[in-house]
Amino acid sequence: MTPLVVLAVLTAAVTHASWNAIAHGIRDQLVAFTLVGLGGAVCGAALLPFTPVPDPASWPYLGASVLLHVLYMMLLMRSFSLGDFGQMYPIARGTAPLAVTVLAALFAGELPDGWQLAGVAVASAGLVGVALWGVRGGGSVNGAAVAAAVGTGLAIASYTVVDGLGVRHSGSSLGFTAWLMALEGLPIPLYALAVRRRALVAAARPFAARGLPGGVLSACAYGLVLWAQTRAELAPIAALRESSIIVGAAIGTVLFKERFGAPRVAAAALMVVGIGLMLHAG
């Protein structure tokens, strides 16, 4: 990975943690993800006239990605509604890199070298550990919340590989991003409108100034990741992207008054070691 790719992915990590915190901060999670989805869809639609249409070879990947992203949003919504941000976010993000490593080897023919594999493993251990070790301090764990968070991580891994292959066939990372954001942002708002009807507008209005920009942040974050996937292998990008966990832990402490503690310090240290190993491979 070149320094520019690393910078792009780290910027995406900070942006991603920020929009997730915005979504978690809205108590009504259906409203939160409706606003995020609308913000992302509007952002993607605004880009469509100015970007190339993706090559037809990428359309099957685009369709599969939309379904996987909707599944991801539903599982993330579920995990946020049941558990603490500082615990659910690390589990969801921490399970993804190892799964991406396996899927990229199977479907993209990207076999990691020893340094990359060690880096992904160390980083993932730190990220998952911060969530699990937190229970030892007297906390409790919600089995349904953890299951939803793990499912979120597997959905992340799946769409990461699908999108990595799709964007490489698309001929334009920006065009692929625009169509993906425009399409995947609509199903949850449409579902919310069908369920809540007029009550949805009243419930969403107080949070629109936060939720809609969160959708724009989401689009920007993933656009950077998709561009990076055209420049480097999928597994190291997936692991580096999860440095967002460190940002998420800090946000959980400052905004949501969740305890940081020694486990998260240890996780941050492991994340730095993992990133160092991956960069050594590059």
Protein backbone atom coordinates (compact mmCIF):
# COMPACT_ATOMS: atom_id res chain seq x y z
CA MET A 1 0.00 0.00 0.00
CA THR A 2 1.35 3.41 -1.01
CA PRO A 3 1.25 6.35 1.45
CA LEU A 4 -1.66 7.85 -0.52
CA VAL A 5 -3.69 4.67 -0.19
CA VAL A 6 -2.92 4.49 3.53
CA LEU A 7 -3.99 8.12 3.98
CA ALA A 8 -7.23 7.51 2.07
CA VAL A 9 -8.14 4.46 4.16
CA LEU A 10 -7.29 6.15 7.46
CA THR A 11 -9.42 9.14 6.46
CA ALA A 12 -12.24 6.73 5.64
CA ALA A 13 -11.80 5.10 9.06
CA VAL A 14 -12.26 8.39 10.92
CA THR A 15 -15.22 9.35 8.75
CA HIS A 16 -16.83 5.93 9.19
CA ALA A 17 -16.58 5.99 12.97
CA SER A 18 -18.10 9.47 12.94
CA TRP A 19 -21.23 8.54 10.97
CA ASN A 20 -21.70 5.39 13.06
CA ALA A 21 -21.58 7.52 16.20
CA ILE A 22 -24.16 9.88 14.69
CA ALA A 23 -26.46 6.93 13.97
CA HIS A 24 -25.98 5.42 17.42
CA GLY A 25 -26.69 8.78 19.06
CA ILE A 26 -30.25 8.83 17.69
CA ARG A 27 -32.31 6.66 20.01
CA ASP A 28 -34.85 5.63 17.35
CA GLN A 29 -32.60 3.48 15.18
CA LEU A 30 -35.08 3.18 12.31
CA VAL A 31 -35.16 6.98 12.10
CA ALA A 32 -31.37 7.11 12.36
CA PHE A 33 -30.73 4.72 9.49
CA THR A 34 -33.53 6.24 7.43
CA LEU A 35 -31.77 9.61 7.58
CA VAL A 36 -28.34 8.11 6.94
CA GLY A 37 -29.71 6.16 3.99
CA LEU A 38 -31.39 9.23 2.53
CA GLY A 39 -28.26 11.33 2.96
CA GLY A 40 -26.15 8.73 1.19
CA ALA A 41 -28.71 8.21 -1.58
CA VAL A 42 -28.95 11.95 -2.27
CA CYS A 43 -25.17 12.21 -2.31
CA GLY A 44 -24.90 9.32 -4.77
CA ALA A 45 -27.71 10.62 -6.98
CA ALA A 46 -26.09 14.05 -7.14
CA LEU A 47 -22.92 12.46 -8.50
CA LEU A 48 -24.62 10.33 -11.18
CA PRO A 49 -24.74 13.02 -13.92
CA PHE A 50 -21.02 13.69 -13.50
CA THR A 51 -19.64 10.16 -13.36
CA PRO A 52 -19.29 7.38 -15.96
CA VAL A 53 -21.81 4.56 -15.92
CA PRO A 54 -20.04 1.47 -14.55
CA ASP A 55 -19.04 -1.15 -17.09
CA PRO A 56 -21.78 -3.81 -17.51
CA ALA A 57 -19.34 -6.42 -16.21
CA SER A 58 -19.65 -4.80 -12.78
CA TRP A 59 -23.47 -4.74 -12.62
CA PRO A 60 -23.92 -8.22 -11.05
CA TYR A 61 -21.48 -7.18 -8.31
CA LEU A 62 -23.35 -3.91 -7.88
CA GLY A 63 -26.68 -5.70 -7.45
CA ALA A 64 -25.25 -8.18 -4.95
CA SER A 65 -23.57 -5.36 -3.07
CA VAL A 66 -26.82 -3.43 -2.67
CA LEU A 67 -28.44 -6.48 -1.05
CA LEU A 68 -25.45 -7.07 1.23
CA HIS A 69 -25.33 -3.41 2.28
CA VAL A 70 -29.02 -3.45 3.19
CA LEU A 71 -28.45 -6.61 5.26
CA TYR A 72 -25.46 -4.91 6.90
CA MET A 73 -27.52 -1.83 7.80
CA MET A 74 -30.29 -3.97 9.30
CA LEU A 75 -27.85 -5.96 11.44
CA LEU A 76 -25.96 -2.84 12.50
CA MET A 77 -29.24 -1.17 13.45
CA ARG A 78 -30.13 -4.22 15.53
CA SER A 79 -26.78 -4.36 17.32
CA PHE A 80 -26.83 -0.62 18.11
CA SER A 81 -30.35 -0.89 19.54
CA LEU A 82 -29.32 -3.73 21.89
CA GLY A 83 -25.75 -2.95 22.97
CA ASP A 84 -23.24 -0.22 23.82
CA PHE A 85 -21.56 1.57 20.93
CA GLY A 86 -18.11 0.92 22.41
CA GLN A 87 -18.76 -2.82 22.51
CA MET A 88 -20.85 -3.48 19.41
CA TYR A 89 -18.73 -1.38 17.04
CA PRO A 90 -15.47 -3.25 17.82
CA ILE A 91 -17.13 -6.66 17.45
CA ALA A 92 -18.72 -5.72 14.12
CA ARG A 93 -15.59 -4.15 12.68
CA GLY A 94 -13.12 -6.53 14.30
CA THR A 95 -14.59 -9.71 12.84
CA ALA A 96 -14.45 -8.36 9.28
CA PRO A 97 -10.69 -8.34 8.41
CA LEU A 98 -10.06 -12.04 9.02
CA ALA A 99 -13.21 -12.95 7.10
CA VAL A 100 -12.11 -10.67 4.24
CA THR A 101 -8.70 -12.38 4.21
CA VAL A 102 -10.36 -15.77 3.73
CA LEU A 103 -12.91 -14.56 1.15
CA ALA A 104 -10.31 -12.59 -0.83
CA ALA A 105 -8.13 -15.70 -1.03
CA LEU A 106 -11.06 -17.82 -2.20
CA PHE A 107 -12.72 -15.45 -4.68
CA ALA A 108 -10.09 -12.87 -5.66
CA GLY A 109 -7.00 -15.07 -5.64
CA GLU A 110 -5.27 -12.71 -3.20
CA LEU A 111 -3.11 -14.88 -0.99
CA PRO A 112 -1.61 -12.85 1.86
CA ASP A 113 2.09 -13.09 2.61
CA GLY A 114 3.31 -13.77 6.13
CA TRP A 115 3.53 -10.11 7.14
CA GLN A 116 0.05 -9.29 5.90
CA LEU A 117 -1.48 -12.32 7.56
CA ALA A 118 0.24 -11.53 10.85
CA GLY A 119 -0.87 -7.90 10.64
CA VAL A 120 -4.49 -8.78 9.96
CA ALA A 121 -4.51 -11.36 12.77
CA VAL A 122 -2.92 -9.04 15.33
CA ALA A 123 -5.19 -6.12 14.44
CA SER A 124 -8.30 -8.32 14.53
CA ALA A 125 -7.31 -9.81 17.89
CA GLY A 126 -7.03 -6.36 19.38
CA LEU A 127 -10.32 -5.15 17.98
CA VAL A 128 -12.35 -8.17 19.03
CA GLY A 129 -10.55 -8.32 22.36
CA VAL A 130 -11.59 -4.83 23.38
CA ALA A 131 -15.22 -5.85 23.23
CA LEU A 132 -14.83 -9.20 24.96
CA TRP A 133 -12.39 -8.07 27.65
CA GLY A 134 -14.74 -5.28 28.62
CA VAL A 135 -17.10 -7.89 30.05
CA ARG A 136 -14.43 -8.91 32.57
CA GLY A 137 -14.65 -5.54 34.29
CA GLY A 138 -18.06 -6.39 35.67
CA GLY A 139 -20.01 -5.57 32.54
CA SER A 140 -22.62 -7.74 30.94
CA VAL A 141 -23.02 -9.07 27.47
CA ASN A 142 -26.22 -9.31 25.48
CA GLY A 143 -26.10 -12.49 23.41
CA ALA A 144 -28.52 -11.19 20.78
CA ALA A 145 -26.52 -7.96 20.47
CA VAL A 146 -23.25 -9.86 20.02
CA ALA A 147 -24.85 -12.17 17.44
CA ALA A 148 -26.11 -9.14 15.50
CA ALA A 149 -22.66 -7.52 15.71
CA VAL A 150 -20.89 -10.67 14.48
CA GLY A 151 -23.43 -10.95 11.67
CA THR A 152 -22.69 -7.33 10.82
CA GLY A 153 -18.98 -8.18 10.58
CA LEU A 154 -19.66 -11.07 8.23
CA ALA A 155 -21.86 -8.83 6.08
CA ILE A 156 -19.04 -6.27 5.99
CA ALA A 157 -16.59 -8.93 4.87
CA SER A 158 -18.97 -10.12 2.15
CA TYR A 159 -19.68 -6.71 0.65
CA THR A 160 -16.00 -5.73 0.92
CA VAL A 161 -14.98 -8.59 -1.37
CA VAL A 162 -17.96 -8.17 -3.71
CA ASP A 163 -17.30 -4.43 -4.02
CA GLY A 164 -13.57 -4.97 -4.42
CA LEU A 165 -14.21 -7.21 -7.42
CA GLY A 166 -17.00 -5.01 -8.77
CA VAL A 167 -15.10 -1.74 -8.64
CA ARG A 168 -12.18 -3.34 -10.49
CA HIS A 169 -14.58 -4.30 -13.30
CA SER A 170 -16.39 -0.96 -13.30
CA GLY A 171 -13.83 1.24 -15.05
CA SER A 172 -14.65 4.06 -12.60
CA SER A 173 -14.48 3.83 -8.81
CA LEU A 174 -16.43 7.10 -8.52
CA GLY A 175 -19.17 5.88 -10.87
CA PHE A 176 -19.47 2.59 -9.00
CA THR A 177 -19.64 4.48 -5.69
CA ALA A 178 -22.33 6.86 -6.96
CA TRP A 179 -24.61 4.07 -8.18
CA LEU A 180 -24.03 2.00 -5.05
CA MET A 181 -24.87 4.89 -2.72
CA ALA A 182 -27.92 5.92 -4.76
CA LEU A 183 -29.35 2.38 -4.75
CA GLU A 184 -28.44 1.02 -1.32
CA GLY A 185 -29.63 4.13 0.52
CA LEU A 186 -33.28 3.73 -0.49
CA PRO A 187 -34.61 0.37 0.86
CA ILE A 188 -34.53 1.24 4.58
CA PRO A 189 -36.18 4.69 4.12
CA LEU A 190 -38.86 3.08 1.93
CA TYR A 191 -39.45 0.39 4.55
CA ALA A 192 -39.64 3.01 7.31
CA LEU A 193 -42.13 5.05 5.28
CA ALA A 194 -44.31 1.98 4.71
CA VAL A 195 -44.29 1.12 8.43
CA ARG A 196 -44.45 4.55 10.06
CA ARG A 197 -46.20 6.55 7.32
CA ARG A 198 -46.83 10.16 8.39
CA ALA A 199 -45.36 9.56 11.84
CA LEU A 200 -41.95 9.03 10.24
CA VAL A 201 -41.62 12.66 9.15
CA ALA A 202 -42.48 13.95 12.61
CA ALA A 203 -40.05 11.53 14.25
CA ALA A 204 -37.22 12.28 11.81
CA ARG A 205 -37.51 16.07 11.66
CA PRO A 206 -35.64 16.81 14.96
CA PHE A 207 -32.70 14.66 13.88
CA ALA A 208 -32.45 15.57 10.19
CA ALA A 209 -29.63 18.05 10.72
CA ARG A 210 -27.51 15.24 12.18
CA GLY A 211 -28.69 12.17 10.30
CA LEU A 212 -28.57 13.46 6.72
CA PRO A 213 -24.93 14.68 6.97
CA GLY A 214 -24.17 11.28 8.50
CA GLY A 215 -25.27 9.74 5.21
CA VAL A 216 -22.94 12.05 3.30
CA LEU A 217 -20.07 11.01 5.60
CA SER A 218 -20.96 7.38 4.93
CA ALA A 219 -20.80 7.91 1.16
CA CYS A 220 -17.47 9.73 1.39
CA ALA A 221 -15.95 7.10 3.67
CA TYR A 222 -16.88 4.19 1.43
CA GLY A 223 -15.94 6.03 -1.74
CA LEU A 224 -12.40 6.35 -0.39
CA VAL A 225 -12.33 2.64 0.46
CA LEU A 226 -13.55 1.64 -3.00
CA TRP A 227 -10.88 3.80 -4.63
CA ALA A 228 -8.24 2.20 -2.40
CA GLN A 229 -9.45 -1.27 -3.40
CA THR A 230 -8.45 -0.52 -6.98
CA ARG A 231 -4.90 0.25 -5.80
CA ALA A 232 -4.13 -2.48 -3.26
CA GLU A 233 -5.22 -5.91 -2.03
CA LEU A 234 -8.49 -6.28 -0.17
CA ALA A 235 -7.39 -7.87 3.14
CA PRO A 236 -4.81 -5.24 4.21
CA ILE A 237 -7.24 -2.43 3.30
CA ALA A 238 -10.00 -4.09 5.32
CA ALA A 239 -7.73 -4.40 8.36
CA LEU A 240 -6.35 -0.86 8.08
CA ARG A 241 -9.86 0.49 7.69
CA GLU A 242 -10.74 -0.97 11.07
CA SER A 243 -8.47 1.53 12.78
CA SER A 244 -11.83 3.29 12.99
CA ILE A 245 -12.26 1.21 16.16
CA ILE A 246 -9.77 3.44 17.95
CA VAL A 247 -11.73 6.50 16.89
CA GLY A 248 -14.98 4.77 17.86
CA ALA A 249 -13.63 3.94 21.32
CA ALA A 250 -12.67 7.58 21.85
CA ILE A 251 -16.09 8.76 20.65
CA GLY A 252 -17.81 6.27 22.95
CA THR A 253 -15.84 7.63 25.90
CA VAL A 254 -16.31 11.33 25.15
CA LEU A 255 -19.86 11.45 23.78
CA PHE A 256 -21.56 8.41 25.29
CA LYS A 257 -19.63 8.33 28.61
CA GLU A 258 -18.57 4.72 28.07
CA ARG A 259 -15.48 3.61 29.99
CA PHE A 260 -12.28 3.49 27.94
CA GLY A 261 -10.12 1.48 30.32
CA ALA A 262 -7.02 -0.67 29.92
CA PRO A 263 -8.56 -3.20 27.47
CA ARG A 264 -9.10 -0.49 24.86
CA VAL A 265 -5.60 0.88 25.41
CA ALA A 266 -4.28 -2.65 24.78
CA ALA A 267 -6.47 -2.96 21.68
CA ALA A 268 -5.15 0.33 20.32
CA ALA A 269 -1.58 -0.88 20.84
CA LEU A 270 -2.32 -4.16 19.04
CA MET A 271 -3.93 -2.21 16.20
CA VAL A 272 -0.78 -0.11 15.77
CA VAL A 273 1.37 -3.26 15.73
CA GLY A 274 -0.94 -4.86 13.17
CA ILE A 275 -0.81 -1.81 10.91
CA GLY A 276 2.98 -1.79 11.19
CA LEU A 277 3.16 -5.40 10.07
CA MET A 278 0.88 -4.73 7.09
CA LEU A 279 2.87 -1.69 6.02
CA HIS A 280 6.08 -3.73 6.32
CA ALA A 281 4.56 -6.09 3.74
CA GLY A 282 3.94 -3.13 1.41
